[in-house]
Each structure stands twice: as structure tokens, then as C-alpha cells.
Amino acid sequence: MRLFLCRMTMHDMPKNNKYDSWFELRELHHDLKGKSITGGVSTSAYQLISFALNLLATFVLARMLLPSDFGLVGMVTAFTGFAAIIQDLGLSMAVIQKDRINHQQVSNLFWINVAVCVGIGLSFVLFSPLIVDLYHHDTRIYPIIFSYAAGISLNSVAIQHNALLSRQMKFGIIARGEIMASALSVVCGIGAALLGMGYWAIVIMNISSGLFYNIIIWILCDWRPSLPVRKQGIRDFLNFGAGISGFNVINYFSRNADNVLIGQRLGPAEVGFYSKAFQLLMLPLNQLRNPLVTVAVPAMSSLKNDAERYINYYRRFVFILAFFSMPVVACLALFSPELIRIVLGTQWAPSSTIFRGLALSGFIQPVASSIGLVMISSGYSGRYFIWGCINASITILGFLIGIHWGVMGVVLSMVITTYGLLLPSLWYSFKGTPLRIRDFFREISQPFLHTIIIFCLLWISRSLLKSLIHPLALFFLTMPAGIAVYYFSWKLYPSGRKKIKAIEEVFNIVHEKYIGTIPVLNKAFYRPEAGESKRPL
């Protein structure tokens, strides 16, 4: 009885005592570095498994469905997909960042998310005739819109559960839920395709993923919302999320205007070729960028008052991202015909040229997007929104001009705007922070030069061997050789060896935290040396 009264005094929330653990952060402060590494590795593992599942789904469905099937769904998701950006109004990030929250505040935010998502779903139903008219009265779009509208409404019920798990840095739980949901949705999509359901296989796979995730997260996170109550101090949450949410909405529509314009002017088949090329390029880039950003946002936010450590963290972040993303994009662009043939099939050959054009933009885009990380971690959410408006206006203007030259005109406009806005975006986002533009270019210069050298060597090898061996064999033989040469080229000079050490440290931490704890893998990654039984590589 005495223990019970003590607990009541500590939390001062008698009605919701069983949920107090979800709002306290005292345990989180123990081994924060370890939790950050664990969270980053868990997120990376999910990204890799998700990449494999998406690749499997793409490999199978691309051979069972027509390009126009993908294009038809893509024309609808160009509109409905923005719900994933706006549905939480930035409130999940507010919950993660807030020092102190309580059960009733999060419950109120839960019901706000539900109301917003239901409203968005109903809006799509009401405005569906306008969307159908935009696409030349293709009535097949109606049921697709209605299905996505229902999915949007259901997706709202796990937003705050996900935020609470992220706040507690329980990224392993989130990763397990996302992996299970992705796997089940892929099974549903492929099963629907086998049943001859055509483009509905894509719709079913996309919608079922969110449904499965909601169910799994409700099981893994035992917090349950109560009915909303007024005067619970949620204004700060709304103000905090407004800038981030506003940027996300503007950025989403600017990044999907290309699909809308291509679909409206050229038809669903061209959208299919373009969207699959874009998706195939972004899959590996997202696997590299998302885990790094997930950990970097809270880390850089905590360092914003320590200029030297803030600069060092950002520079290391940009270098690691450039080290991996630049050679990946360059190599995939060089071998795009083989890549498209392996993943999508021969009927998708037109996507190869589109892929190479998009790769010119994707070469710099991952590191250029770090400006958002700088503005958010520095507390400049209003500036973040303003830049989103500027960037969106110029990007959409480029698409409107480029569409006159077809799909490749849109691709070229994306390349021009990406590089044209690079310097202005760096100047605007670094203003008022300890960072300077030279910090950015200093960190990407070496990965850039190494990538160009490896690209030239691979291009020569591909040109000489293309007529001698099968294209698929050429891809699988040359790519690993290029990766090996890229890695060892850093070992040839002192500053390169210093840089590669930062990459090796990441793998050493992963080894210590994970591989070394698994007996079979531990044995595989250890080797005996004289005077020692075993020593890590």
C-alpha cells in the first residue's frame, strides 16, 4: 500500500498510471549513445529488408502486370500519397521532441490525427470527379480513389503509438512491425496478381501494408488513448508541427507534379516507365539516407549550442552519405540497361534512358537534402517552410517547361533545378548556423573524385567486355570489382586513409553491438593471431 501511494505521488496521474512509462524519459538517458547506435542499426536493418521486399515485389509484379497498370495507380497516388505527409500535421515530431508530455495531451493529438485523416479521405471522395476529369474521364480511377481514401482514414490510428515508440527510441519494435507489415502486404499483392486482378494487385499491396502495420503496432505498444479533453496545452505541439508539416505538403506536391503532368499530357504508359525508373533509383538512396537522418536529427539538435561539435557531426554525416550514395548512383546509371532488364524485364527497356537522366540529379540530391537537417536541428522550422515554397515553385516551373519535350524534358528540368538551386539552398540554410558552404564541399570533394575515377574505369571495362560476355554476367562480375577498387583506392594516400577510418569505425561498432553477439557470425568475423586465440578483423 505504501509503495502504491509513493508511485501515485511521483506521477500525479492516478487514472493513467499504467501508461506512465510511455511518457517518462529518465530511463532513456541511461546509455543514450548505445540506444542511438541500436536505433540506427535497427532502422538500417529494416531499410535493407524493406528494400529486398520491394525489390521482390517489383521483380514479380513487373512481369505479371503491364506498364499501364503501374501508371494508372501512379496517377492516383500522385494525389492520395500526400496524406502520408500531412496526416500527422508534424505532431509526431512534436511528441518526440517535447521534454514533458502526459497521457491526455497525446490522447488529444491522437483524435486530431484521426479527424484530419478522415477529413482527407472524405475530401478525396468528394473531389474524385475532378481527378477523373483531369485524366480524360478514365472511370477506372474512381474505385482506386475510394480504396485509398479508406486506407488513409485507417492509417491515423497508429500515428501517436509510433511517435511514443520513437520517443522512447524503441526503433527495434518499430522495425519489426514495419518488416512484418511489408512482408504480409507483398504476399497479398503477389497473390492478387496471381488471381488475375491486374492493377488491383498494386492497390491491395499498398493499402494492406498500412492496415497490417496499424494492427501490429497496437499489439506491440500497449498505450491506449482516452476521450479528448479541452485545455490540455496542445497549442505548442500544433505550432511546432506547422512549419514541418507545411514544408512536407509543399515538397510533396512539387515532387509529384512530374507524374501528374506526364499522365495528363502523355498517358499512363509513360507514367509507368518514368515512375518505375524513379522508384528504382530512390530505393537504394533511401536505404542509405533514412537511417542516418533518423539518428542525426536528435543528435544535431542536442549539439546546436556547441558550434565545434555541431560542425564536426554535420561534416561526418555528409561525408558518410556522399561516400556511399555517389558511387552507388554512378554505377547504377552506367549499368542501367542491365539493371532494368534484371529487375523489371525487357518490356521496361525505355526506363533505362530515363533512369540515367534521373541519376544525374540523384548523384547530388542525397547530400544536398542535408540542408533540411540543418534547419530543423537549428530550430528554423519557419525558414524550412519558406525554402520549401521557393524550391517547389522553381521545380514545378521547370516541369511545366520541360513537359513540352516529353518525359526526357521533365528529367532534364529536374537536373537543371537540382544543381541550379544547390548554392542558394546552402547559403540560405547555413545562415545563422556555425556551418559554412565550404564545409559542405570539403566533405563531398573526395567521394566525388573517387566516384568519377571508378566510373571511368567501369565504363572502359564495360565497353571492352560488352561484346564478349552476356550483359547479365557483365553486371554481376564488374560491379563487385568496382566496389572493391573504390574501397581500396582510399587506402592509397594519407588523407584517404584518415577518411576511410570513419567508415570502418561504423562497421566496428555494428560488429561489437550485433555481429559479435551471434556465435556463428562471431566465429566467421574473427581470426586467430599469434599469441591470441581470436581477434576481431
Protein backbone atom coordinates (compact mmCIF):
# COMPACT_ATOMS: atom_id res chain seq x y z
CA MET A 1 0.00 0.00 0.00
CA ARG A 2 2.82 2.37 0.90
CA LEU A 3 4.60 1.61 -2.40
CA PHE A 4 1.37 2.32 -4.29
CA LEU A 5 0.98 5.72 -2.62
CA CYS A 6 4.59 6.59 -3.41
CA ARG A 7 4.07 5.84 -7.08
CA MET A 8 0.91 7.93 -7.13
CA THR A 9 2.78 10.90 -5.69
CA MET A 10 5.60 10.61 -8.23
CA HIS A 11 3.44 10.58 -11.31
CA ASP A 12 0.43 12.53 -10.08
CA MET A 13 -1.71 10.84 -12.73
CA PRO A 14 -3.80 8.25 -10.87
CA LYS A 15 -6.19 7.46 -13.71
CA ASN A 16 -3.47 6.68 -16.24
CA ASN A 17 -0.77 5.21 -14.02
CA LYS A 18 -0.31 2.14 -16.22
CA TYR A 19 0.73 4.35 -19.16
CA ASP A 20 3.28 6.48 -17.27
CA SER A 21 6.25 4.53 -18.65
CA TRP A 22 5.47 5.80 -22.14
CA PHE A 23 5.89 9.45 -21.07
CA GLU A 24 8.91 9.29 -18.74
CA LEU A 25 12.38 9.83 -20.22
CA ARG A 26 14.54 9.10 -17.20
CA GLU A 27 15.42 5.58 -18.39
CA LEU A 28 16.23 6.89 -21.84
CA HIS A 29 19.12 8.97 -20.52
CA HIS A 30 20.99 5.83 -19.47
CA ASP A 31 23.31 4.67 -22.29
CA LEU A 32 21.96 7.22 -24.78
CA LYS A 33 24.86 6.53 -27.14
CA GLY A 34 24.11 2.82 -27.10
CA LYS A 35 20.44 3.45 -27.77
CA SER A 36 21.33 5.74 -30.67
CA ILE A 37 23.53 3.10 -32.26
CA THR A 38 20.96 0.38 -31.63
CA GLY A 39 18.24 2.54 -33.16
CA GLY A 40 20.35 3.37 -36.20
CA VAL A 41 21.23 -0.28 -36.82
CA SER A 42 17.61 -1.40 -36.32
CA THR A 43 16.42 1.23 -38.80
CA SER A 44 19.14 0.24 -41.25
CA ALA A 45 18.19 -3.41 -40.95
CA TYR A 46 14.55 -2.56 -41.65
CA GLN A 47 15.57 -0.46 -44.64
CA LEU A 48 17.60 -3.34 -46.09
CA ILE A 49 14.83 -5.88 -45.56
CA SER A 50 12.24 -3.43 -46.89
CA PHE A 51 14.47 -2.86 -49.92
CA ALA A 52 14.63 -6.61 -50.53
CA LEU A 53 10.86 -6.99 -50.19
CA ASN A 54 10.17 -4.06 -52.51
CA LEU A 55 12.67 -5.44 -54.98
CA LEU A 56 10.95 -8.83 -54.84
CA ALA A 57 7.52 -7.26 -55.34
CA THR A 58 8.81 -5.14 -58.22
CA PHE A 59 10.56 -8.14 -59.80
CA VAL A 60 7.39 -10.27 -59.71
CA LEU A 61 4.69 -7.69 -60.43
CA ALA A 62 6.64 -6.05 -63.28
CA ARG A 63 6.49 -9.37 -65.10
CA MET A 64 2.82 -10.05 -64.34
CA LEU A 65 1.36 -6.60 -64.94
CA LEU A 66 1.51 -4.02 -67.71
CA PRO A 67 3.34 -0.67 -67.52
CA SER A 68 -0.06 1.00 -67.89
CA ASP A 69 -1.24 -0.77 -64.70
CA PHE A 70 1.54 0.89 -62.71
CA GLY A 71 0.92 4.17 -64.47
CA LEU A 72 -2.81 4.09 -63.68
CA VAL A 73 -2.18 3.62 -59.96
CA GLY A 74 0.66 6.14 -60.08
CA MET A 75 -1.66 8.84 -61.43
CA VAL A 76 -3.91 8.37 -58.38
CA THR A 77 -1.14 8.11 -55.76
CA ALA A 78 0.29 11.36 -57.08
CA PHE A 79 -2.67 12.90 -55.21
CA THR A 80 -3.54 10.45 -52.45
CA GLY A 81 0.04 9.80 -51.39
CA PHE A 82 0.35 13.26 -49.85
CA ALA A 83 -1.81 12.03 -46.94
CA ALA A 84 1.26 10.24 -45.56
CA ILE A 85 2.95 13.63 -45.43
CA ILE A 86 0.17 15.68 -43.85
CA GLN A 87 -1.73 13.14 -41.78
CA ASP A 88 0.15 13.79 -38.53
CA LEU A 89 0.46 17.60 -39.01
CA GLY A 90 4.01 17.32 -37.64
CA LEU A 91 2.54 16.30 -34.27
CA SER A 92 4.51 13.06 -34.06
CA MET A 93 7.77 15.03 -34.26
CA ALA A 94 6.43 17.42 -31.61
CA VAL A 95 5.79 14.47 -29.27
CA ILE A 96 9.28 13.11 -29.90
CA GLN A 97 10.97 16.48 -29.24
CA LYS A 98 8.92 17.60 -26.24
CA ASP A 99 10.63 17.26 -22.84
CA ARG A 100 7.44 16.62 -20.88
CA ILE A 101 4.14 15.23 -22.10
CA ASN A 102 1.21 13.46 -20.49
CA HIS A 103 -1.39 10.89 -21.41
CA GLN A 104 -4.20 13.34 -22.06
CA GLN A 105 -2.13 15.54 -24.35
CA VAL A 106 -1.16 12.58 -26.52
CA SER A 107 -4.78 11.37 -26.48
CA ASN A 108 -5.95 14.73 -27.78
CA LEU A 109 -3.31 14.61 -30.52
CA PHE A 110 -4.47 11.09 -31.39
CA TRP A 111 -8.03 12.27 -32.02
CA ILE A 112 -6.78 15.28 -34.01
CA ASN A 113 -4.87 12.89 -36.28
CA VAL A 114 -7.96 10.70 -36.70
CA ALA A 115 -10.16 13.68 -37.54
CA VAL A 116 -7.64 15.05 -40.05
CA CYS A 117 -7.17 11.70 -41.82
CA VAL A 118 -10.91 11.01 -42.04
CA GLY A 119 -11.36 14.52 -43.42
CA ILE A 120 -8.64 13.95 -46.02
CA GLY A 121 -10.24 10.65 -47.06
CA LEU A 122 -13.66 12.26 -47.47
CA SER A 123 -12.12 15.12 -49.44
CA PHE A 124 -10.68 12.70 -51.97
CA VAL A 125 -14.08 11.06 -52.36
CA LEU A 126 -15.76 14.44 -52.90
CA PHE A 127 -13.15 15.69 -55.38
CA SER A 128 -12.74 12.39 -57.22
CA PRO A 129 -14.74 13.66 -60.25
CA LEU A 130 -12.18 16.44 -60.76
CA ILE A 131 -9.29 13.97 -60.64
CA VAL A 132 -11.07 11.70 -63.14
CA ASP A 133 -11.71 14.67 -65.45
CA LEU A 134 -8.01 15.59 -65.28
CA TYR A 135 -7.14 12.15 -66.62
CA HIS A 136 -9.53 12.25 -69.59
CA HIS A 137 -12.54 10.69 -67.80
CA ASP A 138 -10.90 7.34 -67.09
CA THR A 139 -13.58 5.85 -64.80
CA ARG A 140 -11.25 3.11 -63.55
CA ILE A 141 -9.78 5.77 -61.28
CA TYR A 142 -12.95 6.10 -59.14
CA PRO A 143 -12.71 2.82 -57.18
CA ILE A 144 -8.94 3.28 -56.78
CA ILE A 145 -9.50 6.69 -55.17
CA PHE A 146 -12.20 5.31 -52.86
CA SER A 147 -9.91 2.47 -51.75
CA TYR A 148 -7.02 4.80 -50.96
CA ALA A 149 -9.41 7.15 -49.12
CA ALA A 150 -10.43 4.31 -46.80
CA GLY A 151 -6.77 3.40 -46.25
CA ILE A 152 -5.90 7.00 -45.36
CA SER A 153 -8.63 7.08 -42.69
CA LEU A 154 -7.41 3.84 -41.10
CA ASN A 155 -3.74 4.85 -41.08
CA SER A 156 -4.40 7.55 -38.48
CA VAL A 157 -4.87 5.17 -35.57
CA ALA A 158 -1.17 4.30 -35.13
CA ILE A 159 0.49 7.70 -35.61
CA GLN A 160 0.84 8.54 -31.91
CA HIS A 161 1.74 4.95 -31.00
CA ASN A 162 4.59 5.21 -33.48
CA ALA A 163 5.62 8.59 -32.02
CA LEU A 164 5.72 7.20 -28.47
CA LEU A 165 7.89 4.28 -29.59
CA SER A 166 10.24 6.70 -31.36
CA ARG A 167 10.35 8.97 -28.31
CA GLN A 168 11.49 6.04 -26.21
CA MET A 169 13.96 5.13 -29.00
CA LYS A 170 12.37 1.71 -29.37
CA PHE A 171 13.31 1.57 -33.03
CA GLY A 172 13.69 -2.20 -32.88
CA ILE A 173 9.96 -2.58 -32.18
CA ILE A 174 9.08 -0.18 -34.99
CA ALA A 175 11.37 -2.06 -37.37
CA ARG A 176 9.80 -5.42 -36.51
CA GLY A 177 6.32 -4.01 -37.11
CA GLU A 178 7.28 -2.49 -40.44
CA ILE A 179 9.03 -5.64 -41.65
CA MET A 180 6.06 -7.86 -40.75
CA ALA A 181 3.61 -5.46 -42.40
CA SER A 182 5.75 -5.17 -45.56
CA ALA A 183 6.10 -8.94 -45.87
CA LEU A 184 2.36 -9.56 -45.45
CA SER A 185 1.45 -6.83 -47.94
CA VAL A 186 3.85 -8.24 -50.57
CA VAL A 187 2.21 -11.64 -50.17
CA CYS A 188 -1.22 -10.05 -50.64
CA GLY A 189 -0.09 -8.10 -53.71
CA ILE A 190 1.53 -11.06 -55.44
CA GLY A 191 -1.46 -13.26 -54.55
CA ALA A 192 -3.84 -10.74 -56.12
CA ALA A 193 -1.69 -10.64 -59.26
CA LEU A 194 -1.75 -14.44 -59.49
CA LEU A 195 -5.54 -14.28 -59.31
CA GLY A 196 -5.52 -12.01 -62.38
CA MET A 197 -6.64 -8.83 -60.58
CA GLY A 198 -4.38 -6.58 -62.68
CA TYR A 199 -3.70 -3.13 -61.27
CA TRP A 200 -5.73 -4.01 -58.17
CA ALA A 201 -2.74 -6.10 -57.05
CA ILE A 202 -0.76 -2.86 -56.63
CA VAL A 203 -3.64 -1.16 -54.80
CA ILE A 204 -4.12 -4.11 -52.44
CA MET A 205 -0.40 -4.32 -51.65
CA ASN A 206 -0.13 -0.61 -50.86
CA ILE A 207 -3.25 -0.35 -48.70
CA SER A 208 -2.75 -3.63 -46.82
CA SER A 209 0.72 -2.53 -45.72
CA GLY A 210 -0.72 0.31 -43.63
CA LEU A 211 -3.53 -1.86 -42.28
CA PHE A 212 -1.17 -4.61 -41.13
CA TYR A 213 1.21 -2.06 -39.57
CA ASN A 214 -1.58 -0.44 -37.55
CA ILE A 215 -2.67 -3.79 -36.15
CA ILE A 216 0.88 -4.86 -35.28
CA ILE A 217 1.82 -1.55 -33.61
CA TRP A 218 -1.33 -1.58 -31.48
CA ILE A 219 -0.27 -5.01 -30.26
CA LEU A 220 3.37 -4.01 -29.61
CA CYS A 221 2.55 -0.64 -27.99
CA ASP A 222 0.03 -1.08 -25.16
CA TRP A 223 -0.81 2.65 -24.82
CA ARG A 224 -4.49 3.37 -25.45
CA PRO A 225 -5.99 6.85 -25.95
CA SER A 226 -8.74 8.27 -23.79
CA LEU A 227 -11.52 10.60 -24.95
CA PRO A 228 -10.39 14.15 -25.80
CA VAL A 229 -10.41 16.82 -23.10
CA ARG A 230 -10.15 20.58 -23.64
CA LYS A 231 -7.44 22.84 -22.15
CA GLN A 232 -4.64 20.31 -22.16
CA GLY A 233 -1.95 22.58 -23.60
CA ILE A 234 -1.56 21.26 -27.12
CA ARG A 235 -1.09 24.65 -28.81
CA ASP A 236 2.70 24.33 -28.58
CA PHE A 237 2.52 20.98 -30.32
CA LEU A 238 0.46 22.45 -33.15
CA ASN A 239 2.77 25.45 -33.59
CA PHE A 240 5.86 23.26 -33.64
CA GLY A 241 4.45 20.91 -36.28
CA ALA A 242 3.08 23.66 -38.53
CA GLY A 243 6.38 24.56 -40.20
CA ILE A 244 7.47 20.98 -40.76
CA SER A 245 4.05 19.89 -41.96
CA GLY A 246 3.78 22.88 -44.30
CA PHE A 247 7.14 22.09 -45.89
CA ASN A 248 6.23 18.43 -46.32
CA VAL A 249 2.99 19.26 -48.11
CA ILE A 250 4.60 21.78 -50.46
CA ASN A 251 7.53 19.48 -51.14
CA TYR A 252 5.27 16.51 -51.81
CA PHE A 253 3.22 18.23 -54.48
CA SER A 254 6.32 19.64 -56.16
CA ARG A 255 7.87 16.15 -56.27
CA ASN A 256 4.71 14.59 -57.71
CA ALA A 257 3.88 17.30 -60.23
CA ASP A 258 6.01 15.41 -62.75
CA ASN A 259 3.77 12.31 -62.55
CA VAL A 260 0.64 14.44 -62.89
CA LEU A 261 1.95 16.35 -65.91
CA ILE A 262 3.24 13.24 -67.67
CA GLY A 263 -0.01 11.40 -67.00
CA GLN A 264 -2.14 14.30 -68.19
CA ARG A 265 -0.10 15.01 -71.33
CA LEU A 266 1.34 11.61 -72.32
CA GLY A 267 -0.83 8.92 -70.68
CA PRO A 268 -0.42 6.11 -68.12
CA ALA A 269 2.19 4.08 -70.03
CA GLU A 270 4.72 6.94 -69.97
CA VAL A 271 3.97 7.49 -66.27
CA GLY A 272 4.71 3.81 -65.72
CA PHE A 273 8.13 3.98 -67.40
CA TYR A 274 9.03 7.20 -65.60
CA SER A 275 7.73 6.28 -62.13
CA LYS A 276 9.41 2.85 -62.08
CA ALA A 277 12.75 4.38 -63.10
CA PHE A 278 12.40 6.98 -60.35
CA GLN A 279 11.36 4.36 -57.79
CA LEU A 280 14.25 2.06 -58.71
CA LEU A 281 16.73 4.92 -58.28
CA MET A 282 15.31 6.08 -54.94
CA LEU A 283 15.13 2.61 -53.36
CA PRO A 284 18.87 2.29 -52.62
CA LEU A 285 19.24 6.00 -51.84
CA ASN A 286 16.51 5.84 -49.21
CA GLN A 287 18.17 2.82 -47.61
CA LEU A 288 21.33 4.90 -47.19
CA ARG A 289 19.82 8.22 -46.17
CA ASN A 290 16.86 7.43 -43.91
CA PRO A 291 18.72 5.60 -41.11
CA LEU A 292 21.37 8.33 -40.97
CA VAL A 293 18.75 11.10 -40.78
CA THR A 294 16.73 9.24 -38.14
CA VAL A 295 19.68 9.35 -35.74
CA ALA A 296 21.11 12.71 -36.89
CA VAL A 297 18.00 14.84 -36.16
CA PRO A 298 18.04 14.37 -32.35
CA ALA A 299 21.85 14.26 -32.23
CA MET A 300 22.39 17.56 -34.06
CA SER A 301 19.51 19.17 -32.16
CA SER A 302 21.34 18.44 -28.91
CA LEU A 303 24.58 19.92 -30.30
CA LYS A 304 23.21 23.18 -31.69
CA ASN A 305 24.72 25.20 -28.82
CA ASP A 306 28.15 23.59 -29.23
CA ALA A 307 29.42 25.02 -32.53
CA GLU A 308 32.55 22.89 -32.91
CA ARG A 309 30.84 19.56 -32.23
CA TYR A 310 27.87 20.59 -34.40
CA ILE A 311 30.17 21.29 -37.36
CA ASN A 312 32.11 18.06 -36.87
CA TYR A 313 28.94 15.98 -36.68
CA TYR A 314 27.47 17.55 -39.82
CA ARG A 315 30.67 17.15 -41.79
CA ARG A 316 30.94 13.49 -40.82
CA PHE A 317 27.27 12.95 -41.69
CA VAL A 318 27.69 14.48 -45.16
CA PHE A 319 30.90 12.57 -45.83
CA ILE A 320 29.41 9.18 -44.92
CA LEU A 321 26.34 9.89 -47.05
CA ALA A 322 28.46 11.02 -50.03
CA PHE A 323 30.87 8.10 -49.61
CA PHE A 324 28.07 5.60 -50.20
CA SER A 325 25.49 7.43 -52.33
CA MET A 326 27.73 8.88 -55.06
CA PRO A 327 29.33 5.62 -56.25
CA VAL A 328 26.03 3.75 -55.95
CA VAL A 329 24.22 6.22 -58.22
CA ALA A 330 27.09 6.39 -60.71
CA CYS A 331 27.39 2.61 -61.02
CA LEU A 332 23.65 2.04 -61.31
CA ALA A 333 23.45 4.69 -64.02
CA LEU A 334 26.27 3.06 -66.00
CA PHE A 335 24.64 -0.37 -65.81
CA SER A 336 21.05 0.85 -66.09
CA PRO A 337 20.19 -1.32 -69.16
CA GLU A 338 21.28 -4.46 -67.29
CA LEU A 339 19.64 -3.29 -64.08
CA ILE A 340 16.29 -2.62 -65.76
CA ARG A 341 16.43 -5.97 -67.53
CA ILE A 342 17.20 -7.87 -64.30
CA VAL A 343 14.68 -6.14 -62.03
CA LEU A 344 11.83 -5.17 -64.36
CA GLY A 345 12.22 -7.22 -67.52
CA THR A 346 12.85 -6.47 -71.20
CA GLN A 347 9.46 -4.78 -71.72
CA TRP A 348 10.66 -1.94 -69.47
CA ALA A 349 13.67 -1.04 -71.66
CA PRO A 350 12.53 2.63 -72.17
CA SER A 351 13.02 3.17 -68.42
CA SER A 352 16.79 2.75 -68.84
CA THR A 353 17.34 6.13 -70.53
CA ILE A 354 15.03 7.82 -68.02
CA PHE A 355 16.94 6.18 -65.17
CA ARG A 356 20.26 7.58 -66.40
CA GLY A 357 18.83 11.07 -66.68
CA LEU A 358 17.37 10.91 -63.17
CA ALA A 359 20.71 9.63 -61.86
CA LEU A 360 22.35 12.93 -62.81
CA SER A 361 20.05 14.62 -60.31
CA GLY A 362 20.27 11.75 -57.80
CA PHE A 363 24.06 12.00 -57.75
CA ILE A 364 23.97 15.16 -55.62
CA GLN A 365 20.42 15.05 -54.24
CA PRO A 366 21.06 12.94 -51.07
CA VAL A 367 23.80 15.22 -49.74
CA ALA A 368 22.00 18.37 -50.92
CA SER A 369 18.95 17.36 -48.88
CA SER A 370 21.03 17.69 -45.70
CA ILE A 371 20.01 21.37 -45.65
CA GLY A 372 16.69 20.25 -44.16
CA LEU A 373 18.52 18.52 -41.32
CA VAL A 374 20.44 21.75 -40.60
CA MET A 375 17.32 23.94 -40.48
CA ILE A 376 15.29 21.53 -38.33
CA SER A 377 18.08 20.85 -35.83
CA SER A 378 18.77 24.60 -35.56
CA GLY A 379 15.12 25.36 -34.80
CA TYR A 380 14.42 27.21 -38.06
CA SER A 381 11.15 25.47 -38.95
CA GLY A 382 9.73 28.69 -40.43
CA ARG A 383 12.76 29.05 -42.69
CA TYR A 384 12.37 25.39 -43.61
CA PHE A 385 8.82 26.07 -44.83
CA ILE A 386 9.84 29.20 -46.77
CA TRP A 387 12.58 27.33 -48.58
CA GLY A 388 10.11 24.58 -49.39
CA CYS A 389 7.86 27.14 -51.11
CA ILE A 390 10.77 28.61 -53.12
CA ASN A 391 12.07 25.20 -54.14
CA ALA A 392 8.60 23.93 -55.09
CA SER A 393 7.82 26.97 -57.23
CA ILE A 394 11.03 26.68 -59.25
CA THR A 395 10.75 22.88 -59.56
CA ILE A 396 7.16 22.96 -60.83
CA LEU A 397 8.00 25.78 -63.25
CA GLY A 398 10.80 23.59 -64.61
CA PHE A 399 8.39 20.68 -65.07
CA LEU A 400 5.90 22.91 -66.92
CA ILE A 401 8.63 23.99 -69.32
CA GLY A 402 10.21 20.57 -69.68
CA ILE A 403 6.98 18.67 -70.45
CA HIS A 404 6.98 20.29 -73.91
CA TRP A 405 9.89 17.96 -74.78
CA GLY A 406 8.26 14.86 -73.32
CA VAL A 407 9.48 12.71 -70.44
CA MET A 408 13.15 13.49 -71.02
CA GLY A 409 12.32 17.19 -70.93
CA VAL A 410 10.92 16.70 -67.42
CA VAL A 411 14.04 14.75 -66.44
CA LEU A 412 16.34 17.47 -67.79
CA SER A 413 14.41 20.17 -65.92
CA MET A 414 14.91 18.21 -62.67
CA VAL A 415 18.67 18.05 -63.28
CA ILE A 416 18.90 21.78 -64.02
CA THR A 417 16.87 22.86 -60.98
CA THR A 418 18.71 20.47 -58.62
CA TYR A 419 22.14 21.86 -59.48
CA GLY A 420 20.93 25.42 -60.01
CA LEU A 421 19.45 25.61 -56.51
CA LEU A 422 22.38 23.95 -54.72
CA LEU A 423 24.39 27.04 -53.81
CA PRO A 424 21.36 29.23 -52.91
CA SER A 425 19.97 26.44 -50.73
CA LEU A 426 23.27 26.02 -48.86
CA TRP A 427 23.59 29.76 -48.28
CA TYR A 428 20.01 30.09 -47.06
CA SER A 429 20.03 27.05 -44.75
CA PHE A 430 23.50 27.71 -43.25
CA LYS A 431 22.71 31.33 -42.48
CA GLY A 432 22.75 31.84 -38.70
CA THR A 433 24.38 28.46 -38.04
CA PRO A 434 28.06 27.60 -37.37
CA LEU A 435 28.29 25.91 -40.80
CA ARG A 436 29.83 27.38 -43.91
CA ILE A 437 29.37 26.40 -47.54
CA ARG A 438 32.99 25.25 -47.70
CA ASP A 439 32.22 22.65 -45.00
CA PHE A 440 29.78 21.00 -47.40
CA PHE A 441 32.02 20.98 -50.46
CA ARG A 442 35.09 19.93 -48.46
CA GLU A 443 33.34 16.74 -47.37
CA ILE A 444 31.91 15.74 -50.75
CA SER A 445 35.01 16.57 -52.85
CA GLN A 446 36.92 13.35 -52.20
CA PRO A 447 33.94 10.98 -52.70
CA PHE A 448 33.17 12.91 -55.89
CA LEU A 449 36.68 12.45 -57.32
CA HIS A 450 36.90 8.78 -56.32
CA THR A 451 33.50 8.13 -57.89
CA ILE A 452 34.45 9.80 -61.18
CA ILE A 453 37.64 7.69 -61.40
CA ILE A 454 35.79 4.43 -60.66
CA PHE A 455 33.03 5.37 -63.12
CA CYS A 456 35.57 5.89 -65.90
CA LEU A 457 37.29 2.58 -65.17
CA LEU A 458 33.97 0.72 -65.15
CA TRP A 459 32.86 2.45 -68.34
CA ILE A 460 36.05 1.34 -70.12
CA SER A 461 35.68 -2.21 -68.80
CA ARG A 462 32.04 -2.37 -69.82
CA SER A 463 32.83 -1.09 -73.32
CA LEU A 464 35.60 -3.66 -73.84
CA LEU A 465 33.72 -6.65 -72.42
CA LYS A 466 30.19 -5.89 -73.59
CA SER A 467 30.57 -7.79 -76.85
CA LEU A 468 32.40 -10.74 -75.24
CA ILE A 469 30.14 -11.84 -72.38
CA HIS A 470 26.44 -11.85 -71.58
CA PRO A 471 25.12 -8.49 -70.25
CA LEU A 472 23.88 -10.04 -67.01
CA ALA A 473 27.23 -11.75 -66.38
CA LEU A 474 28.94 -8.44 -67.12
CA PHE A 475 26.82 -6.74 -64.47
CA PHE A 476 27.45 -9.31 -61.73
CA LEU A 477 31.19 -9.54 -62.44
CA THR A 478 32.04 -5.89 -62.94
CA MET A 479 30.01 -4.31 -60.12
CA PRO A 480 31.77 -6.16 -57.24
CA ALA A 481 35.14 -5.38 -58.82
CA GLY A 482 34.23 -1.69 -58.97
CA ILE A 483 33.19 -1.69 -55.30
CA ALA A 484 36.48 -3.29 -54.27
CA VAL A 485 38.57 -0.84 -56.31
CA TYR A 486 36.59 2.10 -54.87
CA TYR A 487 37.23 0.98 -51.30
CA PHE A 488 40.95 0.27 -51.69
CA SER A 489 41.56 3.47 -53.64
CA TRP A 490 41.05 5.35 -50.36
CA LYS A 491 43.98 3.45 -48.87
CA LEU A 492 46.47 4.90 -51.35
CA TYR A 493 47.12 8.24 -49.64
CA PRO A 494 47.16 9.58 -46.03
CA SER A 495 44.04 11.79 -46.08
CA GLY A 496 42.12 8.99 -47.79
CA ARG A 497 43.15 6.52 -45.09
CA LYS A 498 42.01 9.01 -42.46
CA LYS A 499 38.63 9.36 -44.12
CA ILE A 500 38.07 5.65 -44.61
CA LYS A 501 38.76 5.15 -40.91
CA ALA A 502 35.48 6.95 -40.13
CA ILE A 503 33.63 4.41 -42.27
CA GLU A 504 35.42 1.49 -40.67
CA GLU A 505 34.53 2.78 -37.20
CA VAL A 506 30.84 2.48 -38.04
CA PHE A 507 31.27 -1.15 -39.05
CA ASN A 508 33.34 -1.83 -35.92
CA ILE A 509 30.53 -0.51 -33.72
CA VAL A 510 27.99 -2.64 -35.57
CA HIS A 511 30.27 -5.65 -35.16
CA GLU A 512 30.69 -5.03 -31.43
CA LYS A 513 27.00 -4.44 -30.81
CA TYR A 514 25.49 -7.11 -33.05
CA ILE A 515 27.72 -9.49 -35.01
CA GLY A 516 29.93 -10.24 -32.05
CA THR A 517 26.91 -11.34 -30.00
CA ILE A 518 25.87 -14.01 -32.53
CA PRO A 519 28.09 -17.13 -32.14
CA VAL A 520 28.02 -18.21 -35.80
CA LEU A 521 28.72 -14.72 -37.14
CA ASN A 522 31.22 -14.02 -34.39
CA LYS A 523 33.23 -17.06 -35.47
CA ALA A 524 33.04 -16.02 -39.10
CA PHE A 525 34.28 -12.48 -38.44
CA TYR A 526 37.15 -13.43 -36.10
CA ARG A 527 40.55 -14.78 -36.97
CA PRO A 528 43.31 -16.20 -34.73
CA GLU A 529 46.68 -14.49 -34.48
CA ALA A 530 49.97 -15.44 -32.89
CA GLY A 531 49.73 -15.19 -29.12
CA GLU A 532 45.95 -14.74 -29.22
CA SER A 533 43.10 -17.17 -29.57
CA LYS A 534 40.88 -14.79 -31.54
CA ARG A 535 40.92 -11.16 -32.56
CA PRO A 536 38.38 -9.06 -34.49
CA LEU A 537 39.18 -8.17 -38.05
